[in-house]
C-alpha atoms as a PDB file:
ATOM      1  CA  MET A   1      15.542 -24.029  59.685  1.00  0.00           C
ATOM      2  CA  MET A   2      13.201 -24.606  56.864  1.00  0.00           C
ATOM      3  CA  ALA A   3      14.214 -26.813  53.973  1.00  0.00           C
ATOM      4  CA  VAL A   4      13.940 -25.149  50.606  1.00  0.00           C
ATOM      5  CA  THR A   5      13.300 -27.346  47.637  1.00  0.00           C
ATOM      6  CA  MET A   6      14.208 -26.125  44.206  1.00  0.00           C
ATOM      7  CA  ARG A   7      11.882 -26.973  41.351  1.00  0.00           C
ATOM      8  CA  PRO A   8      12.798 -26.417  37.733  1.00  0.00           C
ATOM      9  CA  VAL A   9      11.070 -23.425  36.252  1.00  0.00           C
ATOM     10  CA  ARG A  10       8.981 -24.464  33.260  1.00  0.00           C
ATOM     11  CA  THR A  11       7.037 -21.272  32.698  1.00  0.00           C
ATOM     12  CA  MET A  12       9.583 -19.988  30.209  1.00  0.00           C
ATOM     13  CA  ALA A  13       9.144 -23.049  28.018  1.00  0.00           C
ATOM     14  CA  ARG A  14       5.381 -22.641  28.189  1.00  0.00           C
ATOM     15  CA  PHE A  15       5.457 -18.986  27.131  1.00  0.00           C
ATOM     16  CA  THR A  16       8.139 -19.230  24.461  1.00  0.00           C
ATOM     17  CA  PRO A  17       5.743 -19.866  21.505  1.00  0.00           C
ATOM     18  CA  ALA A  18       3.436 -17.089  22.679  1.00  0.00           C
ATOM     19  CA  PHE A  19       6.392 -14.774  23.163  1.00  0.00           C
ATOM     20  CA  LEU A  20       7.686 -15.577  19.678  1.00  0.00           C
ATOM     21  CA  CYS A  21       4.265 -14.933  18.120  1.00  0.00           C
ATOM     22  CA  PHE A  22       3.946 -11.651  19.988  1.00  0.00           C
ATOM     23  CA  THR A  23       7.423 -10.591  18.887  1.00  0.00           C
ATOM     24  CA  ALA A  24       6.699 -11.469  15.247  1.00  0.00           C
ATOM     25  CA  VAL A  25       3.439  -9.493  15.292  1.00  0.00           C
ATOM     26  CA  LEU A  26       5.161  -6.538  16.927  1.00  0.00           C
ATOM     27  CA  VAL A  27       7.968  -6.530  14.360  1.00  0.00           C
ATOM     28  CA  LEU A  28       5.491  -6.726  11.470  1.00  0.00           C
ATOM     29  CA  ALA A  29       3.454  -3.893  12.960  1.00  0.00           C
ATOM     30  CA  LEU A  30       6.510  -1.705  13.346  1.00  0.00           C
ATOM     31  CA  VAL A  31       7.989  -2.514   9.953  1.00  0.00           C
ATOM     32  CA  GLY A  32       4.630  -2.607   8.195  1.00  0.00           C
ATOM     33  CA  PRO A  33       3.797  -4.276   4.930  1.00  0.00           C
ATOM     34  CA  VAL A  34       5.065  -1.374   2.835  1.00  0.00           C
ATOM     35  CA  ARG A  35       7.806   0.906   4.029  1.00  0.00           C
ATOM     36  CA  SER A  36       8.649   3.923   1.975  1.00  0.00           C
ATOM     37  CA  ALA A  37       9.221   7.471   3.111  1.00  0.00           C
ATOM     38  CA  GLU A  38       6.869   8.576   0.344  1.00  0.00           C
ATOM     39  CA  LEU A  39       4.085   6.208   1.334  1.00  0.00           C
ATOM     40  CA  ASP A  40       4.447   6.683   5.092  1.00  0.00           C
ATOM     41  CA  ALA A  41       2.803  10.093   4.778  1.00  0.00           C
ATOM     42  CA  HIS A  42      -0.420   8.354   3.673  1.00  0.00           C
ATOM     43  CA  LEU A  43      -0.468   5.558   6.264  1.00  0.00           C
ATOM     44  CA  TRP A  44      -3.881   5.332   7.961  1.00  0.00           C
ATOM     45  CA  ARG A  45      -5.026   8.535   6.206  1.00  0.00           C
ATOM     46  CA  GLU A  46      -5.317   7.782   2.494  1.00  0.00           C
ATOM     47  CA  ARG A  47      -5.231   4.917   0.036  1.00  0.00           C
ATOM     48  CA  VAL A  48      -2.614   5.038  -2.709  1.00  0.00           C
ATOM     49  CA  LEU A  49      -2.829   4.053  -6.358  1.00  0.00           C
ATOM     50  CA  LEU A  50       0.641   3.460  -7.806  1.00  0.00           C
ATOM     51  CA  VAL A  51       0.585   3.733 -11.597  1.00  0.00           C
ATOM     52  CA  PHE A  52       3.873   2.538 -13.124  1.00  0.00           C
ATOM     53  CA  ALA A  53       4.325   3.154 -16.861  1.00  0.00           C
ATOM     54  CA  PRO A  54       7.299   3.108 -19.245  1.00  0.00           C
ATOM     55  CA  ARG A  55       6.583   6.701 -20.298  1.00  0.00           C
ATOM     56  CA  ALA A  56       3.855   9.333 -20.121  1.00  0.00           C
ATOM     57  CA  ASP A  57       2.779   8.717 -23.728  1.00  0.00           C
ATOM     58  CA  HIS A  58       2.366   4.936 -23.308  1.00  0.00           C
ATOM     59  CA  PRO A  59      -1.114   4.139 -24.742  1.00  0.00           C
ATOM     60  CA  ASP A  60      -2.333   2.198 -21.683  1.00  0.00           C
ATOM     61  CA  TYR A  61      -1.158   4.969 -19.373  1.00  0.00           C
ATOM     62  CA  VAL A  62      -2.771   7.703 -21.501  1.00  0.00           C
ATOM     63  CA  ARG A  63      -6.112   5.845 -21.435  1.00  0.00           C
ATOM     64  CA  LEU A  64      -5.933   5.338 -17.664  1.00  0.00           C
ATOM     65  CA  ALA A  65      -4.747   8.920 -16.994  1.00  0.00           C
ATOM     66  CA  ARG A  66      -7.767  10.297 -18.868  1.00  0.00           C
ATOM     67  CA  GLU A  67     -10.057   8.033 -16.890  1.00  0.00           C
ATOM     68  CA  LEU A  68      -8.408   9.032 -13.592  1.00  0.00           C
ATOM     69  CA  ASP A  69      -8.803  12.717 -14.447  1.00  0.00           C
ATOM     70  CA  ARG A  70     -12.443  12.203 -15.428  1.00  0.00           C
ATOM     71  CA  ARG A  71     -13.170  10.245 -12.252  1.00  0.00           C
ATOM     72  CA  ALA A  72     -11.375  12.620  -9.845  1.00  0.00           C
ATOM     73  CA  PRO A  73     -14.480  13.008  -7.620  1.00  0.00           C
ATOM     74  CA  ASP A  74     -14.643   9.204  -7.226  1.00  0.00           C
ATOM     75  CA  LEU A  75     -10.951   9.155  -6.253  1.00  0.00           C
ATOM     76  CA  ASP A  76     -11.506  11.920  -3.689  1.00  0.00           C
ATOM     77  CA  GLU A  77     -14.546  10.159  -2.224  1.00  0.00           C
ATOM     78  CA  ARG A  78     -12.436   7.046  -1.657  1.00  0.00           C
ATOM     79  CA  GLN A  79      -9.470   9.035  -0.320  1.00  0.00           C
ATOM     80  CA  LEU A  80      -7.224   7.750  -3.111  1.00  0.00           C
ATOM     81  CA  VAL A  81      -3.957   9.510  -3.937  1.00  0.00           C
ATOM     82  CA  VAL A  82      -2.501   8.674  -7.349  1.00  0.00           C
ATOM     83  CA  TYR A  83       1.229   8.268  -7.941  1.00  0.00           C
ATOM     84  CA  ARG A  84       2.158   8.526 -11.634  1.00  0.00           C
ATOM     85  CA  LEU A  85       5.541   6.811 -11.920  1.00  0.00           C
ATOM     86  CA  PHE A  86       7.900   6.709 -14.912  1.00  0.00           C
ATOM     87  CA  PRO A  87      11.506   5.430 -15.010  1.00  0.00           C
ATOM     88  CA  HIS A  88      12.497   8.552 -16.935  1.00  0.00           C
ATOM     89  CA  GLY A  89      10.402  11.661 -16.914  1.00  0.00           C
ATOM     90  CA  ALA A  90       8.098  13.703 -14.731  1.00  0.00           C
ATOM     91  CA  SER A  91       6.814  11.369 -12.027  1.00  0.00           C
ATOM     92  CA  ARG A  92       4.438  12.883  -9.511  1.00  0.00           C
ATOM     93  CA  THR A  93       1.740  12.379  -6.920  1.00  0.00           C
ATOM     94  CA  ASP A  94      -1.505  14.300  -6.876  1.00  0.00           C
ATOM     95  CA  HIS A  95       0.294  16.827  -4.692  1.00  0.00           C
ATOM     96  CA  LYS A  96       3.914  17.118  -5.796  1.00  0.00           C
ATOM     97  CA  PRO A  97       6.669  16.011  -8.190  1.00  0.00           C
ATOM     98  CA  LEU A  98       8.730  12.944  -7.282  1.00  0.00           C
ATOM     99  CA  GLU A  99      12.480  12.518  -7.543  1.00  0.00           C
ATOM    100  CA  ALA A 100      13.898   9.658  -9.635  1.00  0.00           C
ATOM    101  CA  ASP A 101      15.299   7.920  -6.536  1.00  0.00           C
ATOM    102  CA  ALA A 102      11.803   7.808  -4.971  1.00  0.00           C
ATOM    103  CA  VAL A 103      10.481   6.149  -8.134  1.00  0.00           C
ATOM    104  CA  GLU A 104      13.318   3.607  -8.092  1.00  0.00           C
ATOM    105  CA  ASP A 105      12.636   2.895  -4.415  1.00  0.00           C
ATOM    106  CA  LEU A 106       8.963   2.205  -5.137  1.00  0.00           C
ATOM    107  CA  GLN A 107       9.864   0.002  -8.122  1.00  0.00           C
ATOM    108  CA  GLN A 108      12.191  -2.064  -5.949  1.00  0.00           C
ATOM    109  CA  ARG A 109       9.806  -2.314  -3.016  1.00  0.00           C
ATOM    110  CA  PHE A 110       6.982  -3.563  -5.210  1.00  0.00           C
ATOM    111  CA  GLY A 111       9.060  -5.635  -7.630  1.00  0.00           C
ATOM    112  CA  VAL A 112       8.095  -3.611 -10.687  1.00  0.00           C
ATOM    113  CA  ALA A 113      10.692  -3.628 -13.461  1.00  0.00           C
ATOM    114  CA  ALA A 114      11.579  -0.298 -15.053  1.00  0.00           C
ATOM    115  CA  GLY A 115       9.303   0.151 -18.040  1.00  0.00           C
ATOM    116  CA  GLN A 116       6.634  -2.234 -16.761  1.00  0.00           C
ATOM    117  CA  ALA A 117       3.049  -0.921 -16.998  1.00  0.00           C
ATOM    118  CA  THR A 118       1.448  -1.856 -13.668  1.00  0.00           C
ATOM    119  CA  LEU A 119      -1.163  -0.515 -11.267  1.00  0.00           C
ATOM    120  CA  ILE A 120      -0.929  -1.303  -7.534  1.00  0.00           C
ATOM    121  CA  LEU A 121      -3.550  -0.373  -4.954  1.00  0.00           C
ATOM    122  CA  ILE A 122      -2.260   0.249  -1.418  1.00  0.00           C
ATOM    123  CA  GLY A 123      -4.721   0.346   1.484  1.00  0.00           C
ATOM    124  CA  LYS A 124      -4.672   2.785   4.371  1.00  0.00           C
ATOM    125  CA  ASP A 125      -2.879   0.100   6.391  1.00  0.00           C
ATOM    126  CA  GLY A 126       0.008   0.125   3.898  1.00  0.00           C
ATOM    127  CA  GLY A 127      -0.801  -3.329   2.513  1.00  0.00           C
ATOM    128  CA  GLU A 128      -0.977  -4.158  -1.184  1.00  0.00           C
ATOM    129  CA  LYS A 129      -4.626  -4.800  -2.046  1.00  0.00           C
ATOM    130  CA  MET A 130      -4.573  -5.183  -5.814  1.00  0.00           C
ATOM    131  CA  ARG A 131      -2.119  -5.469  -8.697  1.00  0.00           C
ATOM    132  CA  ALA A 132      -2.946  -5.387 -12.417  1.00  0.00           C
ATOM    133  CA  ALA A 133      -1.354  -4.689 -15.779  1.00  0.00           C
ATOM    134  CA  LEU A 134      -2.317  -1.230 -17.022  1.00  0.00           C
ATOM    135  CA  GLY A 135      -3.769  -2.666 -20.218  1.00  0.00           C
ATOM    136  CA  GLY A 136      -6.325  -4.661 -18.258  1.00  0.00           C
ATOM    137  CA  VAL A 137      -7.201  -2.091 -15.588  1.00  0.00           C
ATOM    138  CA  ASP A 138     -10.856  -1.366 -15.088  1.00  0.00           C
ATOM    139  CA  LEU A 139     -11.198   1.611 -12.753  1.00  0.00           C
ATOM    140  CA  ASP A 140     -14.615   0.377 -11.637  1.00  0.00           C
ATOM    141  CA  ALA A 141     -12.950  -2.867 -10.481  1.00  0.00           C
ATOM    142  CA  VAL A 142     -10.473  -0.788  -8.454  1.00  0.00           C
ATOM    143  CA  PHE A 143     -13.346   1.152  -6.902  1.00  0.00           C
ATOM    144  CA  ARG A 144     -15.219  -2.081  -6.095  1.00  0.00           C
ATOM    145  CA  ARG A 145     -12.087  -3.424  -4.392  1.00  0.00           C
ATOM    146  CA  VAL A 146     -11.762  -0.235  -2.332  1.00  0.00           C
ATOM    147  CA  ASP A 147     -15.477  -0.214  -1.477  1.00  0.00           C
ATOM    148  CA  ALA A 148     -15.200  -3.801  -0.195  1.00  0.00           C
ATOM    149  CA  MET A 149     -12.457  -2.880   2.290  1.00  0.00           C
ATOM    150  CA  PRO A 150     -13.580  -2.869   5.946  1.00  0.00           C
ATOM    151  CA  MET A 151     -12.350   0.685   6.585  1.00  0.00           C
ATOM    152  CA  ARG A 152     -14.147   1.957   3.481  1.00  0.00           C
ATOM    153  CA  ARG A 153     -17.384   0.248   4.511  1.00  0.00           C
ATOM    154  CA  LEU A 154     -17.185   2.024   7.872  1.00  0.00           C
ATOM    155  CA  GLU A 155     -16.570   5.322   6.064  1.00  0.00           C
ATOM    156  CA  MET A 156     -19.637   4.760   3.886  1.00  0.00           C
ATOM    157  CA  GLN A 157     -21.792   3.832   6.903  1.00  0.00           C
ATOM    158  CA  GLY A 158     -20.668   6.999   8.677  1.00  0.00           C
ATOM    159  CA  ARG A 159     -21.913   9.148   5.806  1.00  0.00           C
ATOM    160  CA  GLN A 160     -25.427   7.672   5.822  1.00  0.00           C
END
């Protein structure tokens, strides 16, 4: 008969850090940086501009809304969908009205207090790319940020 020697198995200890890293990356990929039923529809297809304002007649919102309307072709070119979000009132996306619970969900997910005037840019990957107070928002700065994104640069190269 042949003698069998048993050696301790060390491969598990060697692969544990790699396994943990892989698991963490997998979980982050599945959960994603931003999870919202509303925003999931845009994932990998469109960028999202969340515009939080205390009310539709807030001066900073009115100024930005006019600029957004005037620059609609620039928004379309960059595949940007605008969410106009108010704690009380007619919140909507470019495509449809939003329920109050969807607005509250977005406020919670992004840490925006009710009544706070804030703009948040979300990339196609679902990650937050920019955050600014509405009073200090320069739409050209938003467009520059979008145009600097790797996916946007590929889009622009494809059109040349």
